[in-house]
Amino acid sequence: MKNKTAIVLMWVVSILPFALVALAWPYLPEQVPTHWGLNGQVDGWGSPATLWLLCAISPILSLGLQFLPRLDPKRANYEKFQSRYDFFGPLVPVLLLVCVAVTLSESLWPGRINVSRTIGVMIGVLFLIIGNLMGKIKPNWFMGVRTPWALSDPDVWNKTQRLGGWVFFLSGLSAVILSLLAPEKIFFIVFFTILIVGIILTYFMSWRWFKEKQP
């Protein structure tokens, strides 16, 4: 990442979960929810200390997003989609911030929100954004659909990312719509069906496009 504003925003959002947990700590019960079933009901509990582990995920991922491109053999290509990469950087910490906020809300005021629908919408929005960004990503080792055939040919890479972008976009769109309108089980079945079938199709087409270019 090179955009200073994006870097600062990413790290501010990464630290916010620690602040939320610190503020809520005196009021937390002895056990906090750590997992929810497909029906949206809590089916796992743990010590409030587990919240610190959840908070720690965000800065670790932010560290990777900021510095991993420097280790990429194809790091020169990041210049070609730098603005998209800088835009993507703060998104993952935002999703994790929502997860921490939801957990705290359910710990202090159980039943106030529908966890499955809230997380489903957030995942859907993230996939929609990723789907729109993927077509602009250039060959690299850390982002995009990195099939061996795509990494071997720039034209195959571009086609693979465009198809993968559509898969992510349609998966995200289904997640948002079904999270709001359908039962939780239907949401998970349809979302993962579109995603898994789409990924398999993307890998197959990536191989096929590569083979078509071979003499």
C-alpha atoms as a PDB file:
ATOM      1  CA  MET A   1       0.000   0.000   0.000  1.00  0.00           C
ATOM      2  CA  LYS A   2       1.223   3.486  -0.861  1.00  0.00           C
ATOM      3  CA  ASN A   3      -1.676   5.837  -0.228  1.00  0.00           C
ATOM      4  CA  LYS A   4      -0.978   7.355   3.190  1.00  0.00           C
ATOM      5  CA  THR A   5      -4.631   8.122   3.862  1.00  0.00           C
ATOM      6  CA  ALA A   6      -5.608   4.517   3.146  1.00  0.00           C
ATOM      7  CA  ILE A   7      -2.805   3.216   5.366  1.00  0.00           C
ATOM      8  CA  VAL A   8      -3.780   5.469   8.279  1.00  0.00           C
ATOM      9  CA  LEU A   9      -7.457   4.567   7.880  1.00  0.00           C
ATOM     10  CA  MET A  10      -6.642   0.854   7.769  1.00  0.00           C
ATOM     11  CA  TRP A  11      -4.625   1.021  10.981  1.00  0.00           C
ATOM     12  CA  VAL A  12      -7.164   3.205  12.790  1.00  0.00           C
ATOM     13  CA  VAL A  13      -9.908   0.722  11.956  1.00  0.00           C
ATOM     14  CA  SER A  14      -7.602  -2.144  12.985  1.00  0.00           C
ATOM     15  CA  ILE A  15      -7.094  -0.640  16.441  1.00  0.00           C
ATOM     16  CA  LEU A  16     -10.738   0.279  17.061  1.00  0.00           C
ATOM     17  CA  PRO A  17     -11.777  -3.276  18.101  1.00  0.00           C
ATOM     18  CA  PHE A  18      -9.285  -3.085  20.995  1.00  0.00           C
ATOM     19  CA  ALA A  19     -10.836   0.210  22.097  1.00  0.00           C
ATOM     20  CA  LEU A  20     -14.368  -1.213  21.940  1.00  0.00           C
ATOM     21  CA  VAL A  21     -13.445  -4.268  23.991  1.00  0.00           C
ATOM     22  CA  ALA A  22     -11.590  -2.116  26.532  1.00  0.00           C
ATOM     23  CA  LEU A  23     -14.626   0.144  26.982  1.00  0.00           C
ATOM     24  CA  ALA A  24     -17.019  -2.797  27.329  1.00  0.00           C
ATOM     25  CA  TRP A  25     -14.705  -4.937  29.493  1.00  0.00           C
ATOM     26  CA  PRO A  26     -16.075  -3.888  32.945  1.00  0.00           C
ATOM     27  CA  TYR A  27     -19.609  -4.787  31.846  1.00  0.00           C
ATOM     28  CA  LEU A  28     -18.998  -8.097  30.064  1.00  0.00           C
ATOM     29  CA  PRO A  29     -20.520 -11.284  31.526  1.00  0.00           C
ATOM     30  CA  GLU A  30     -18.392 -14.268  32.554  1.00  0.00           C
ATOM     31  CA  GLN A  31     -19.136 -15.965  29.230  1.00  0.00           C
ATOM     32  CA  VAL A  32     -19.492 -14.263  25.841  1.00  0.00           C
ATOM     33  CA  PRO A  33     -20.863 -15.736  22.595  1.00  0.00           C
ATOM     34  CA  THR A  34     -18.162 -16.979  20.239  1.00  0.00           C
ATOM     35  CA  HIS A  35     -20.161 -18.814  17.577  1.00  0.00           C
ATOM     36  CA  TRP A  36     -23.620 -18.761  16.040  1.00  0.00           C
ATOM     37  CA  GLY A  37     -25.444 -21.561  14.220  1.00  0.00           C
ATOM     38  CA  LEU A  38     -27.223 -21.302  10.877  1.00  0.00           C
ATOM     39  CA  ASN A  39     -30.414 -20.411  12.752  1.00  0.00           C
ATOM     40  CA  GLY A  40     -28.741 -17.333  14.212  1.00  0.00           C
ATOM     41  CA  GLN A  41     -28.700 -18.767  17.732  1.00  0.00           C
ATOM     42  CA  VAL A  42     -25.580 -18.855  19.887  1.00  0.00           C
ATOM     43  CA  ASP A  43     -24.054 -22.337  20.008  1.00  0.00           C
ATOM     44  CA  GLY A  44     -20.610 -21.513  21.388  1.00  0.00           C
ATOM     45  CA  TRP A  45     -19.406 -19.600  24.446  1.00  0.00           C
ATOM     46  CA  GLY A  46     -16.026 -18.557  25.783  1.00  0.00           C
ATOM     47  CA  SER A  47     -14.155 -16.334  28.163  1.00  0.00           C
ATOM     48  CA  PRO A  48     -14.197 -12.574  27.480  1.00  0.00           C
ATOM     49  CA  ALA A  49     -10.424 -12.897  26.978  1.00  0.00           C
ATOM     50  CA  THR A  50     -11.125 -14.579  23.629  1.00  0.00           C
ATOM     51  CA  LEU A  51     -12.264 -11.180  22.354  1.00  0.00           C
ATOM     52  CA  TRP A  52      -8.664  -9.967  22.482  1.00  0.00           C
ATOM     53  CA  LEU A  53      -7.696 -12.783  20.113  1.00  0.00           C
ATOM     54  CA  LEU A  54     -10.444 -11.706  17.729  1.00  0.00           C
ATOM     55  CA  CYS A  55      -9.175  -8.133  17.903  1.00  0.00           C
ATOM     56  CA  ALA A  56      -5.612  -9.276  17.131  1.00  0.00           C
ATOM     57  CA  ILE A  57      -6.637 -10.693  13.737  1.00  0.00           C
ATOM     58  CA  SER A  58      -7.181  -7.233  12.296  1.00  0.00           C
ATOM     59  CA  PRO A  59      -3.689  -5.735  12.796  1.00  0.00           C
ATOM     60  CA  ILE A  60      -2.093  -8.996  11.626  1.00  0.00           C
ATOM     61  CA  LEU A  61      -4.036  -8.865   8.364  1.00  0.00           C
ATOM     62  CA  SER A  62      -3.332  -5.153   8.013  1.00  0.00           C
ATOM     63  CA  LEU A  63       0.375  -5.817   8.416  1.00  0.00           C
ATOM     64  CA  GLY A  64       0.176  -8.392   5.645  1.00  0.00           C
ATOM     65  CA  LEU A  65      -1.790  -6.108   3.333  1.00  0.00           C
ATOM     66  CA  GLN A  66       0.765  -3.338   3.792  1.00  0.00           C
ATOM     67  CA  PHE A  67       4.004  -5.285   3.447  1.00  0.00           C
ATOM     68  CA  LEU A  68       3.370  -8.557   1.543  1.00  0.00           C
ATOM     69  CA  PRO A  69       3.480  -6.837  -1.876  1.00  0.00           C
ATOM     70  CA  ARG A  70       7.131  -6.036  -1.190  1.00  0.00           C
ATOM     71  CA  LEU A  71       7.838  -9.783  -1.180  1.00  0.00           C
ATOM     72  CA  ASP A  72       5.902 -10.453  -4.377  1.00  0.00           C
ATOM     73  CA  PRO A  73       8.130 -11.371  -7.357  1.00  0.00           C
ATOM     74  CA  LYS A  74       5.597  -9.515  -9.506  1.00  0.00           C
ATOM     75  CA  ARG A  75       5.490  -6.449  -7.237  1.00  0.00           C
ATOM     76  CA  ALA A  76       6.051  -4.102 -10.188  1.00  0.00           C
ATOM     77  CA  ASN A  77       2.513  -4.934 -11.370  1.00  0.00           C
ATOM     78  CA  TYR A  78       0.997  -3.414  -8.226  1.00  0.00           C
ATOM     79  CA  GLU A  79       1.611   0.013  -9.743  1.00  0.00           C
ATOM     80  CA  LYS A  80      -0.984  -0.855 -12.384  1.00  0.00           C
ATOM     81  CA  PHE A  81      -3.768  -1.386  -9.840  1.00  0.00           C
ATOM     82  CA  GLN A  82      -2.390   0.505  -6.831  1.00  0.00           C
ATOM     83  CA  SER A  83      -5.490   2.645  -6.313  1.00  0.00           C
ATOM     84  CA  ARG A  84      -7.689  -0.470  -6.153  1.00  0.00           C
ATOM     85  CA  TYR A  85      -5.315  -2.168  -3.738  1.00  0.00           C
ATOM     86  CA  ASP A  86      -5.233   0.915  -1.492  1.00  0.00           C
ATOM     87  CA  PHE A  87      -9.039   1.015  -1.573  1.00  0.00           C
ATOM     88  CA  PHE A  88      -9.257  -2.668  -0.605  1.00  0.00           C
ATOM     89  CA  GLY A  89      -6.849  -2.328   2.338  1.00  0.00           C
ATOM     90  CA  PRO A  90      -9.250  -0.845   4.928  1.00  0.00           C
ATOM     91  CA  LEU A  91     -12.185  -3.088   3.961  1.00  0.00           C
ATOM     92  CA  VAL A  92     -11.063  -6.250   5.773  1.00  0.00           C
ATOM     93  CA  PRO A  93     -10.469  -4.429   9.101  1.00  0.00           C
ATOM     94  CA  VAL A  94     -13.940  -2.879   8.738  1.00  0.00           C
ATOM     95  CA  LEU A  95     -15.506  -6.342   8.451  1.00  0.00           C
ATOM     96  CA  LEU A  96     -13.607  -7.549  11.519  1.00  0.00           C
ATOM     97  CA  LEU A  97     -14.636  -4.403  13.396  1.00  0.00           C
ATOM     98  CA  VAL A  98     -18.266  -5.244  12.671  1.00  0.00           C
ATOM     99  CA  CYS A  99     -17.712  -8.803  13.933  1.00  0.00           C
ATOM    100  CA  VAL A 100     -16.304  -7.492  17.223  1.00  0.00           C
ATOM    101  CA  ALA A 101     -19.124  -4.948  17.551  1.00  0.00           C
ATOM    102  CA  VAL A 102     -21.741  -7.654  16.928  1.00  0.00           C
ATOM    103  CA  THR A 103     -20.142  -9.944  19.530  1.00  0.00           C
ATOM    104  CA  LEU A 104     -20.083  -7.155  22.106  1.00  0.00           C
ATOM    105  CA  SER A 105     -23.686  -6.245  21.344  1.00  0.00           C
ATOM    106  CA  GLU A 106     -24.805  -9.842  21.826  1.00  0.00           C
ATOM    107  CA  SER A 107     -22.758 -10.086  25.013  1.00  0.00           C
ATOM    108  CA  LEU A 108     -24.289  -6.994  26.595  1.00  0.00           C
ATOM    109  CA  TRP A 109     -27.740  -6.935  24.978  1.00  0.00           C
ATOM    110  CA  PRO A 110     -28.566 -10.456  23.734  1.00  0.00           C
ATOM    111  CA  GLY A 111     -31.077 -10.686  20.915  1.00  0.00           C
ATOM    112  CA  ARG A 112     -30.942  -7.019  19.946  1.00  0.00           C
ATOM    113  CA  ILE A 113     -29.723  -7.790  16.413  1.00  0.00           C
ATOM    114  CA  ASN A 114     -29.967 -10.711  14.014  1.00  0.00           C
ATOM    115  CA  VAL A 115     -26.370 -11.883  13.817  1.00  0.00           C
ATOM    116  CA  SER A 116     -26.698 -14.139  10.766  1.00  0.00           C
ATOM    117  CA  ARG A 117     -28.360 -11.449   8.673  1.00  0.00           C
ATOM    118  CA  THR A 118     -25.961  -8.714   9.788  1.00  0.00           C
ATOM    119  CA  ILE A 119     -22.840 -10.740   9.005  1.00  0.00           C
ATOM    120  CA  GLY A 120     -24.435 -12.038   5.800  1.00  0.00           C
ATOM    121  CA  VAL A 121     -25.020  -8.514   4.517  1.00  0.00           C
ATOM    122  CA  MET A 122     -21.485  -7.449   5.432  1.00  0.00           C
ATOM    123  CA  ILE A 123     -19.970 -10.458   3.655  1.00  0.00           C
ATOM    124  CA  GLY A 124     -22.189  -9.774   0.654  1.00  0.00           C
ATOM    125  CA  VAL A 125     -21.090  -6.137   0.437  1.00  0.00           C
ATOM    126  CA  LEU A 126     -17.430  -7.205   0.721  1.00  0.00           C
ATOM    127  CA  PHE A 127     -17.866  -9.720  -2.110  1.00  0.00           C
ATOM    128  CA  LEU A 128     -19.631  -7.121  -4.256  1.00  0.00           C
ATOM    129  CA  ILE A 129     -16.700  -4.755  -3.842  1.00  0.00           C
ATOM    130  CA  ILE A 130     -14.121  -7.475  -4.493  1.00  0.00           C
ATOM    131  CA  GLY A 131     -16.045  -8.574  -7.581  1.00  0.00           C
ATOM    132  CA  ASN A 132     -15.905  -5.051  -8.976  1.00  0.00           C
ATOM    133  CA  LEU A 133     -12.178  -4.731  -8.249  1.00  0.00           C
ATOM    134  CA  MET A 134     -10.977  -8.068  -9.594  1.00  0.00           C
ATOM    135  CA  GLY A 135     -11.146  -7.185 -13.267  1.00  0.00           C
ATOM    136  CA  LYS A 136      -8.519  -4.481 -12.726  1.00  0.00           C
ATOM    137  CA  ILE A 137      -6.026  -6.637 -10.807  1.00  0.00           C
ATOM    138  CA  LYS A 138      -2.823  -7.450 -12.677  1.00  0.00           C
ATOM    139  CA  PRO A 139      -0.706 -10.615 -12.267  1.00  0.00           C
ATOM    140  CA  ASN A 140       0.600 -11.075  -8.724  1.00  0.00           C
ATOM    141  CA  TRP A 141       0.982 -13.807  -6.113  1.00  0.00           C
ATOM    142  CA  PHE A 142      -1.350 -12.528  -3.385  1.00  0.00           C
ATOM    143  CA  MET A 143      -4.581 -11.150  -4.919  1.00  0.00           C
ATOM    144  CA  GLY A 144      -7.092 -12.425  -7.441  1.00  0.00           C
ATOM    145  CA  VAL A 145      -7.792 -15.916  -8.782  1.00  0.00           C
ATOM    146  CA  ARG A 146      -4.220 -17.168  -9.039  1.00  0.00           C
ATOM    147  CA  THR A 147      -4.496 -20.280 -11.174  1.00  0.00           C
ATOM    148  CA  PRO A 148      -1.205 -21.626 -12.609  1.00  0.00           C
ATOM    149  CA  TRP A 149      -2.510 -20.951 -16.129  1.00  0.00           C
ATOM    150  CA  ALA A 150      -3.441 -17.345 -15.323  1.00  0.00           C
ATOM    151  CA  LEU A 151      -0.032 -16.698 -13.783  1.00  0.00           C
ATOM    152  CA  SER A 152       1.585 -18.108 -16.923  1.00  0.00           C
ATOM    153  CA  ASP A 153      -0.145 -15.820 -19.425  1.00  0.00           C
ATOM    154  CA  PRO A 154      -1.284 -12.166 -19.043  1.00  0.00           C
ATOM    155  CA  ASP A 155      -4.254 -12.617 -21.394  1.00  0.00           C
ATOM    156  CA  VAL A 156      -5.461 -15.695 -19.514  1.00  0.00           C
ATOM    157  CA  TRP A 157      -4.970 -13.781 -16.263  1.00  0.00           C
ATOM    158  CA  ASN A 158      -7.231 -10.937 -17.414  1.00  0.00           C
ATOM    159  CA  LYS A 159      -9.980 -13.310 -18.576  1.00  0.00           C
ATOM    160  CA  THR A 160      -9.743 -15.333 -15.366  1.00  0.00           C
ATOM    161  CA  GLN A 161     -10.045 -12.234 -13.156  1.00  0.00           C
ATOM    162  CA  ARG A 162     -13.043 -10.926 -15.100  1.00  0.00           C
ATOM    163  CA  LEU A 163     -14.868 -14.243 -14.744  1.00  0.00           C
ATOM    164  CA  GLY A 164     -13.836 -14.524 -11.098  1.00  0.00           C
ATOM    165  CA  GLY A 165     -15.080 -10.978 -10.560  1.00  0.00           C
ATOM    166  CA  TRP A 166     -18.510 -11.951 -11.826  1.00  0.00           C
ATOM    167  CA  VAL A 167     -18.524 -14.987  -9.537  1.00  0.00           C
ATOM    168  CA  PHE A 168     -17.731 -12.843  -6.503  1.00  0.00           C
ATOM    169  CA  PHE A 169     -20.209 -10.159  -7.565  1.00  0.00           C
ATOM    170  CA  LEU A 170     -23.082 -12.633  -8.012  1.00  0.00           C
ATOM    171  CA  SER A 171     -22.174 -14.392  -4.754  1.00  0.00           C
ATOM    172  CA  GLY A 172     -22.196 -11.061  -2.936  1.00  0.00           C
ATOM    173  CA  LEU A 173     -25.467  -9.974  -4.522  1.00  0.00           C
ATOM    174  CA  SER A 174     -27.116 -13.239  -3.486  1.00  0.00           C
ATOM    175  CA  ALA A 175     -25.730 -12.838   0.038  1.00  0.00           C
ATOM    176  CA  VAL A 176     -27.164  -9.338   0.460  1.00  0.00           C
ATOM    177  CA  ILE A 177     -30.586 -10.186  -0.969  1.00  0.00           C
ATOM    178  CA  LEU A 178     -30.991 -13.549   0.773  1.00  0.00           C
ATOM    179  CA  SER A 179     -29.663 -12.245   4.099  1.00  0.00           C
ATOM    180  CA  LEU A 180     -32.473  -9.697   4.103  1.00  0.00           C
ATOM    181  CA  LEU A 181     -35.293 -11.799   2.673  1.00  0.00           C
ATOM    182  CA  ALA A 182     -34.665 -15.537   3.066  1.00  0.00           C
ATOM    183  CA  PRO A 183     -34.191 -17.964   5.961  1.00  0.00           C
ATOM    184  CA  GLU A 184     -30.594 -18.297   7.117  1.00  0.00           C
ATOM    185  CA  LYS A 185     -30.193 -21.868   5.807  1.00  0.00           C
ATOM    186  CA  ILE A 186     -31.344 -20.832   2.327  1.00  0.00           C
ATOM    187  CA  PHE A 187     -28.846 -17.983   2.387  1.00  0.00           C
ATOM    188  CA  PHE A 188     -25.898 -20.253   3.182  1.00  0.00           C
ATOM    189  CA  ILE A 189     -26.914 -22.943   0.679  1.00  0.00           C
ATOM    190  CA  VAL A 190     -27.397 -20.546  -2.237  1.00  0.00           C
ATOM    191  CA  PHE A 191     -24.390 -18.360  -1.399  1.00  0.00           C
ATOM    192  CA  PHE A 192     -21.914 -21.223  -1.114  1.00  0.00           C
ATOM    193  CA  THR A 193     -23.388 -23.034  -4.131  1.00  0.00           C
ATOM    194  CA  ILE A 194     -22.871 -19.991  -6.355  1.00  0.00           C
ATOM    195  CA  LEU A 195     -19.400 -19.394  -4.912  1.00  0.00           C
ATOM    196  CA  ILE A 196     -18.119 -22.982  -5.137  1.00  0.00           C
ATOM    197  CA  VAL A 197     -19.604 -23.719  -8.569  1.00  0.00           C
ATOM    198  CA  GLY A 198     -18.336 -20.356  -9.802  1.00  0.00           C
ATOM    199  CA  ILE A 199     -14.802 -20.983  -8.550  1.00  0.00           C
ATOM    200  CA  ILE A 200     -14.734 -24.427 -10.176  1.00  0.00           C
ATOM    201  CA  LEU A 201     -15.958 -22.890 -13.444  1.00  0.00           C
ATOM    202  CA  THR A 202     -13.337 -20.141 -13.219  1.00  0.00           C
ATOM    203  CA  TYR A 203     -10.530 -22.668 -12.753  1.00  0.00           C
ATOM    204  CA  PHE A 204     -11.823 -24.783 -15.632  1.00  0.00           C
ATOM    205  CA  MET A 205     -12.127 -21.815 -17.994  1.00  0.00           C
ATOM    206  CA  SER A 206      -8.694 -20.552 -16.971  1.00  0.00           C
ATOM    207  CA  TRP A 207      -7.212 -23.931 -17.964  1.00  0.00           C
ATOM    208  CA  ARG A 208      -9.219 -23.969 -21.192  1.00  0.00           C
ATOM    209  CA  TRP A 209      -8.163 -20.450 -22.219  1.00  0.00           C
ATOM    210  CA  PHE A 210      -4.551 -21.384 -21.586  1.00  0.00           C
ATOM    211  CA  LYS A 211      -4.815 -24.599 -23.632  1.00  0.00           C
ATOM    212  CA  GLU A 212      -6.438 -22.725 -26.524  1.00  0.00           C
ATOM    213  CA  LYS A 213      -3.345 -20.520 -26.778  1.00  0.00           C
ATOM    214  CA  GLN A 214      -0.931 -23.446 -26.947  1.00  0.00           C
ATOM    215  CA  PRO A 215       0.289 -24.627 -30.374  1.00  0.00           C
END
